[in-house]
Amino acid sequence: MLAAVYESFRGPLPPPHILRQYNEIVPGSAKRLLEEAWTQGSHRQHLERTVIEGGAKRAHRGLTLGFVSFVLLLVAAFVLVLTGHDTAGIAFIGIDVAGLVGSFIFGSLRQMRERSQKFQDLQERLPNGEPEMQHDRAATGPLS
């Protein structure tokens, strides 16, 4: 009598009964697999934290430089107006405001595109909204 068994899992670790089988074949291997998974998880979290902190620093630096540029152009525009160069001063104010508005709109659009792309990537990796970790086990009856 023959029987077919289908078993699969998805995630960083196999289910406990498979870990037990690993341990029976090579004593201590289940512990090593657990340690490797924990080490990998810690490493991934460290990398994610580094990327997030770097992004926050760049964003803050960009905001600071943008604000300083905005203020300098605004001061230059007022100096031009006060010294009798009305047309140039008004042009500087227009450039300053247009740059601020354009930067806001461009940043918002870019953020929307990034979020949309991340959502699509997630949908491709997890079809039908399946959870990240999954274990399937199916057995069929005798084969003819």
Protein backbone atom coordinates (compact mmCIF):
# COMPACT_ATOMS: atom_id res chain seq x y z
CA MET A 1 0.00 0.00 0.00
CA LEU A 2 1.34 3.41 -0.99
CA ALA A 3 0.27 6.77 0.40
CA ALA A 4 1.22 10.23 -0.73
CA VAL A 5 1.79 12.99 1.78
CA TYR A 6 2.05 16.64 0.85
CA GLU A 7 3.52 18.98 3.40
CA SER A 8 4.77 22.53 3.04
CA PHE A 9 5.49 25.51 5.23
CA ARG A 10 6.35 29.11 4.72
CA GLY A 11 8.24 31.28 7.16
CA PRO A 12 11.58 31.38 8.90
CA LEU A 13 11.11 28.11 10.78
CA PRO A 14 9.58 24.74 10.05
CA PRO A 15 6.76 23.54 12.30
CA PRO A 16 7.72 21.82 15.61
CA HIS A 17 7.26 18.24 14.40
CA ILE A 18 9.76 18.84 11.57
CA LEU A 19 12.21 20.47 13.99
CA ARG A 20 11.89 17.36 16.12
CA GLN A 21 12.76 15.21 13.09
CA TYR A 22 15.82 17.38 12.37
CA ASN A 23 16.90 16.87 15.97
CA GLU A 24 16.50 13.10 15.66
CA ILE A 25 18.76 13.03 12.60
CA VAL A 26 21.36 15.53 13.90
CA PRO A 27 21.16 16.14 17.66
CA GLY A 28 21.17 19.83 18.50
CA SER A 29 20.18 20.91 14.98
CA ALA A 30 16.77 22.23 16.05
CA LYS A 31 18.40 24.53 18.59
CA ARG A 32 20.84 25.72 15.96
CA LEU A 33 18.02 26.43 13.49
CA LEU A 34 16.18 28.44 16.15
CA GLU A 35 19.32 30.42 16.98
CA GLU A 36 19.95 31.12 13.28
CA ALA A 37 16.37 32.37 12.84
CA TRP A 38 16.68 34.65 15.89
CA THR A 39 20.05 35.97 14.71
CA GLN A 40 18.68 36.63 11.23
CA GLY A 41 15.61 38.37 12.68
CA SER A 42 17.77 40.59 14.89
CA HIS A 43 20.01 41.44 11.94
CA ARG A 44 17.02 42.31 9.74
CA GLN A 45 15.54 44.50 12.49
CA HIS A 46 18.87 46.30 12.89
CA LEU A 47 19.05 46.98 9.14
CA GLU A 48 15.46 48.22 9.05
CA ARG A 49 16.12 50.51 12.03
CA THR A 50 19.24 51.88 10.31
CA VAL A 51 17.33 52.57 7.09
CA ILE A 52 14.46 54.26 8.94
CA GLU A 53 16.78 56.41 11.07
CA GLY A 54 18.80 57.39 7.99
CA GLY A 55 15.63 58.37 6.15
CA ALA A 56 14.44 60.44 9.10
CA LYS A 57 17.81 62.25 9.28
CA ARG A 58 17.74 62.99 5.55
CA ALA A 59 14.17 64.25 5.78
CA HIS A 60 15.04 66.53 8.70
CA ARG A 61 18.13 67.84 6.93
CA GLY A 62 16.08 68.50 3.80
CA LEU A 63 13.42 70.38 5.76
CA THR A 64 16.05 72.47 7.50
CA LEU A 65 17.84 73.37 4.25
CA GLY A 66 14.52 74.09 2.55
CA PHE A 67 13.44 76.41 5.38
CA VAL A 68 16.78 78.25 5.37
CA SER A 69 16.59 78.68 1.58
CA PHE A 70 13.00 79.91 1.82
CA VAL A 71 13.88 82.49 4.50
CA LEU A 72 16.99 83.70 2.63
CA LEU A 73 15.04 84.20 -0.60
CA LEU A 74 12.26 85.95 1.29
CA VAL A 75 14.75 88.31 3.00
CA ALA A 76 16.43 88.99 -0.35
CA ALA A 77 13.02 89.75 -1.88
CA PHE A 78 12.15 92.24 0.87
CA VAL A 79 15.56 93.90 0.60
CA LEU A 80 15.02 94.27 -3.14
CA VAL A 81 11.57 95.79 -2.61
CA LEU A 82 12.88 98.17 0.10
CA THR A 83 15.73 99.34 -2.15
CA GLY A 84 13.38 100.24 -4.99
CA HIS A 85 13.66 97.05 -7.09
CA ASP A 86 9.98 96.16 -6.87
CA THR A 87 9.83 93.91 -9.93
CA ALA A 88 12.85 91.83 -8.89
CA GLY A 89 11.59 91.62 -5.29
CA ILE A 90 8.15 90.45 -6.36
CA ALA A 91 9.76 87.92 -8.73
CA PHE A 92 11.84 86.56 -5.83
CA ILE A 93 8.71 86.24 -3.68
CA GLY A 94 6.94 84.43 -6.54
CA ILE A 95 9.89 82.09 -7.05
CA ASP A 96 10.07 81.45 -3.31
CA VAL A 97 6.38 80.61 -2.97
CA ALA A 98 6.34 78.56 -6.19
CA GLY A 99 9.32 76.54 -4.96
CA LEU A 100 7.63 75.88 -1.63
CA VAL A 101 4.34 74.83 -3.21
CA GLY A 102 6.10 72.74 -5.89
CA SER A 103 8.19 70.98 -3.28
CA PHE A 104 5.10 70.14 -1.23
CA ILE A 105 3.20 68.81 -4.25
CA PHE A 106 6.19 66.81 -5.57
CA GLY A 107 6.86 65.32 -2.12
CA SER A 108 3.21 64.33 -1.67
CA LEU A 109 3.03 62.69 -5.10
CA ARG A 110 6.29 60.81 -4.54
CA GLN A 111 5.06 59.56 -1.17
CA MET A 112 1.78 58.36 -2.73
CA ARG A 113 3.70 56.50 -5.47
CA GLU A 114 6.01 54.87 -2.92
CA ARG A 115 3.08 53.70 -0.80
CA SER A 116 1.28 52.37 -3.85
CA GLN A 117 4.40 50.47 -4.95
CA LYS A 118 4.87 48.99 -1.47
CA PHE A 119 1.24 47.89 -1.43
CA GLN A 120 1.63 46.22 -4.84
CA ASP A 121 4.83 44.49 -3.70
CA LEU A 122 3.02 43.19 -0.62
CA GLN A 123 0.12 41.93 -2.71
CA GLU A 124 2.53 40.06 -5.01
CA ARG A 125 4.33 38.42 -2.08
CA LEU A 126 1.16 37.51 -0.22
CA PRO A 127 -1.45 36.42 -2.75
CA ASN A 128 -5.03 36.39 -1.47
CA GLY A 129 -3.92 38.11 1.75
CA GLU A 130 -2.32 34.94 3.11
CA PRO A 131 -0.43 35.34 6.37
CA GLU A 132 3.37 35.47 6.30
CA MET A 133 3.74 32.14 8.11
CA GLN A 134 1.81 29.18 6.83
CA HIS A 135 1.92 25.45 7.27
CA ASP A 136 -0.05 23.05 5.10
CA ARG A 137 -0.28 19.35 5.66
CA ALA A 138 -2.37 17.06 3.53
CA ALA A 139 -2.38 13.33 3.21
CA THR A 140 -4.08 11.32 0.57
CA GLY A 141 -5.25 7.77 0.73
CA PRO A 142 -3.63 4.76 -0.90
CA LEU A 143 -2.25 5.17 -4.37
CA SER A 144 -3.33 2.71 -7.02
